[in-house]
Amino acid sequence: MSSVTVLCGPERRRRWPATEKARIVEESFQPGAVVAVVARRHDVHANLLHYWRRQARQAAGRGVTLLPVSVSAEKRSSGSREGAIEIELSDVRVRVDATVDEAALGRVLRALGR
């Protein structure tokens, strides 16, 4: 038995959050993955998944890459600031708080990626 999604109202298309698209696209790029099977698993038309994959490859050509992210709930010390994040690359760890300058952080991360 198959399931059916019923869309009501004037909008006849589903909206996919960017995070969900990225997760599905990343899954489709895994070794041995078949696009049609991944699309079916997530109830997406294979043509749409191919389109998302093209978009991801074009974005990668502009220097954008998808990276795995993990979120951990660690107990903060009393001296830590609210909104702090930690970026761990292969051999480097960068810690910043909410007041970091976005452009400066981008320059640092690009320099570390080289």
Protein backbone atom coordinates (compact mmCIF):
# COMPACT_ATOMS: atom_id res chain seq x y z
CA MET A 1 0.00 0.00 0.00
CA SER A 2 1.38 3.45 -0.87
CA SER A 3 0.79 6.73 0.89
CA VAL A 4 -0.64 9.87 -0.66
CA THR A 5 0.09 13.45 0.33
CA VAL A 6 -2.89 15.78 -0.01
CA LEU A 7 -2.12 19.47 -0.37
CA CYS A 8 -4.89 21.91 0.47
CA GLY A 9 -5.28 25.57 -0.31
CA PRO A 10 -3.97 27.68 -3.17
CA GLU A 11 -0.37 26.38 -2.88
CA ARG A 12 -0.07 23.07 -4.72
CA ARG A 13 3.62 22.47 -4.12
CA ARG A 14 5.42 21.20 -1.08
CA ARG A 15 8.10 23.38 0.42
CA TRP A 16 11.35 21.74 1.47
CA PRO A 17 13.51 23.40 4.12
CA ALA A 18 17.10 23.97 2.96
CA THR A 19 18.41 21.68 5.69
CA GLU A 20 16.16 18.84 4.53
CA LYS A 21 17.19 19.35 0.88
CA ALA A 22 20.86 19.32 1.89
CA ARG A 23 20.40 16.11 3.88
CA ILE A 24 18.65 14.34 0.99
CA VAL A 25 21.22 15.58 -1.55
CA GLU A 26 24.08 14.49 0.70
CA GLU A 27 22.50 11.04 1.00
CA SER A 28 22.20 10.82 -2.80
CA PHE A 29 25.94 11.57 -3.18
CA GLN A 30 26.98 8.69 -0.90
CA PRO A 31 28.94 5.90 -2.63
CA GLY A 32 26.58 3.31 -4.05
CA ALA A 33 23.47 5.46 -3.64
CA VAL A 34 20.89 5.36 -6.44
CA VAL A 35 19.13 8.68 -6.98
CA ALA A 36 15.78 7.09 -7.78
CA VAL A 37 15.87 4.99 -4.60
CA VAL A 38 16.86 7.95 -2.41
CA ALA A 39 14.13 10.08 -4.01
CA ARG A 40 11.50 7.39 -3.46
CA ARG A 41 12.59 6.95 0.17
CA HIS A 42 11.97 10.65 0.82
CA ASP A 43 8.85 10.96 -1.34
CA VAL A 44 10.56 13.30 -3.82
CA HIS A 45 10.39 12.99 -7.60
CA ALA A 46 13.75 11.84 -8.97
CA ASN A 47 13.86 14.78 -11.41
CA LEU A 48 13.59 17.21 -8.50
CA LEU A 49 16.41 15.44 -6.68
CA HIS A 50 18.56 15.64 -9.83
CA TYR A 51 17.82 19.39 -9.94
CA TRP A 52 18.85 19.79 -6.29
CA ARG A 53 22.04 17.84 -7.00
CA ARG A 54 22.89 20.17 -9.92
CA GLN A 55 22.32 23.16 -7.65
CA ALA A 56 24.63 21.65 -5.02
CA ARG A 57 27.38 20.97 -7.60
CA GLN A 58 27.09 24.54 -8.91
CA ALA A 59 27.28 25.89 -5.37
CA ALA A 60 30.32 23.69 -4.73
CA GLY A 61 31.92 25.25 -7.80
CA ARG A 62 31.48 28.63 -6.12
CA GLY A 63 33.31 27.39 -3.03
CA VAL A 64 30.28 26.21 -1.03
CA THR A 65 30.46 22.70 0.37
CA LEU A 66 28.15 20.63 2.51
CA LEU A 67 29.75 19.51 5.74
CA PRO A 68 28.44 17.13 8.36
CA VAL A 69 27.41 18.93 11.53
CA SER A 70 26.95 17.56 15.00
CA VAL A 71 25.33 19.40 17.87
CA SER A 72 26.30 18.53 21.40
CA ALA A 73 24.84 19.81 24.63
CA GLU A 74 27.86 20.37 26.81
CA LYS A 75 27.76 22.00 30.18
CA ARG A 76 29.12 25.54 29.82
CA SER A 77 31.62 26.90 32.27
CA SER A 78 30.60 30.06 34.10
CA GLY A 79 33.02 32.12 31.98
CA SER A 80 31.62 31.08 28.60
CA ARG A 81 29.42 33.42 26.60
CA GLU A 82 25.93 32.77 25.31
CA GLY A 83 25.78 31.75 21.65
CA ALA A 84 29.28 30.30 21.44
CA ILE A 85 30.06 27.80 18.67
CA GLU A 86 33.02 25.56 18.08
CA ILE A 87 34.13 24.61 14.56
CA GLU A 88 36.37 21.57 14.42
CA LEU A 89 38.21 20.90 11.18
CA SER A 90 40.60 18.01 10.60
CA ASP A 91 43.36 19.31 12.89
CA VAL A 92 42.16 22.76 13.95
CA ARG A 93 39.47 23.92 16.38
CA VAL A 94 37.99 27.43 16.15
CA ARG A 95 35.81 28.80 18.96
CA VAL A 96 33.77 31.96 18.49
CA ASP A 97 30.88 33.65 20.25
CA ALA A 98 27.83 35.47 18.97
CA THR A 99 29.73 38.75 18.60
CA VAL A 100 32.20 37.41 16.00
CA ASP A 101 32.47 39.40 12.78
CA GLU A 102 31.03 37.16 10.04
CA ALA A 103 33.40 38.41 7.32
CA ALA A 104 36.45 37.90 9.53
CA LEU A 105 35.34 34.39 10.46
CA GLY A 106 34.84 33.60 6.76
CA ARG A 107 38.39 34.75 6.00
CA VAL A 108 39.80 32.62 8.81
CA LEU A 109 37.91 29.51 7.69
CA ARG A 110 38.94 30.00 4.05
CA ALA A 111 42.57 30.37 5.12
CA LEU A 112 42.38 27.19 7.19
CA GLY A 113 40.81 25.30 4.28
CA ARG A 114 43.85 25.88 2.06
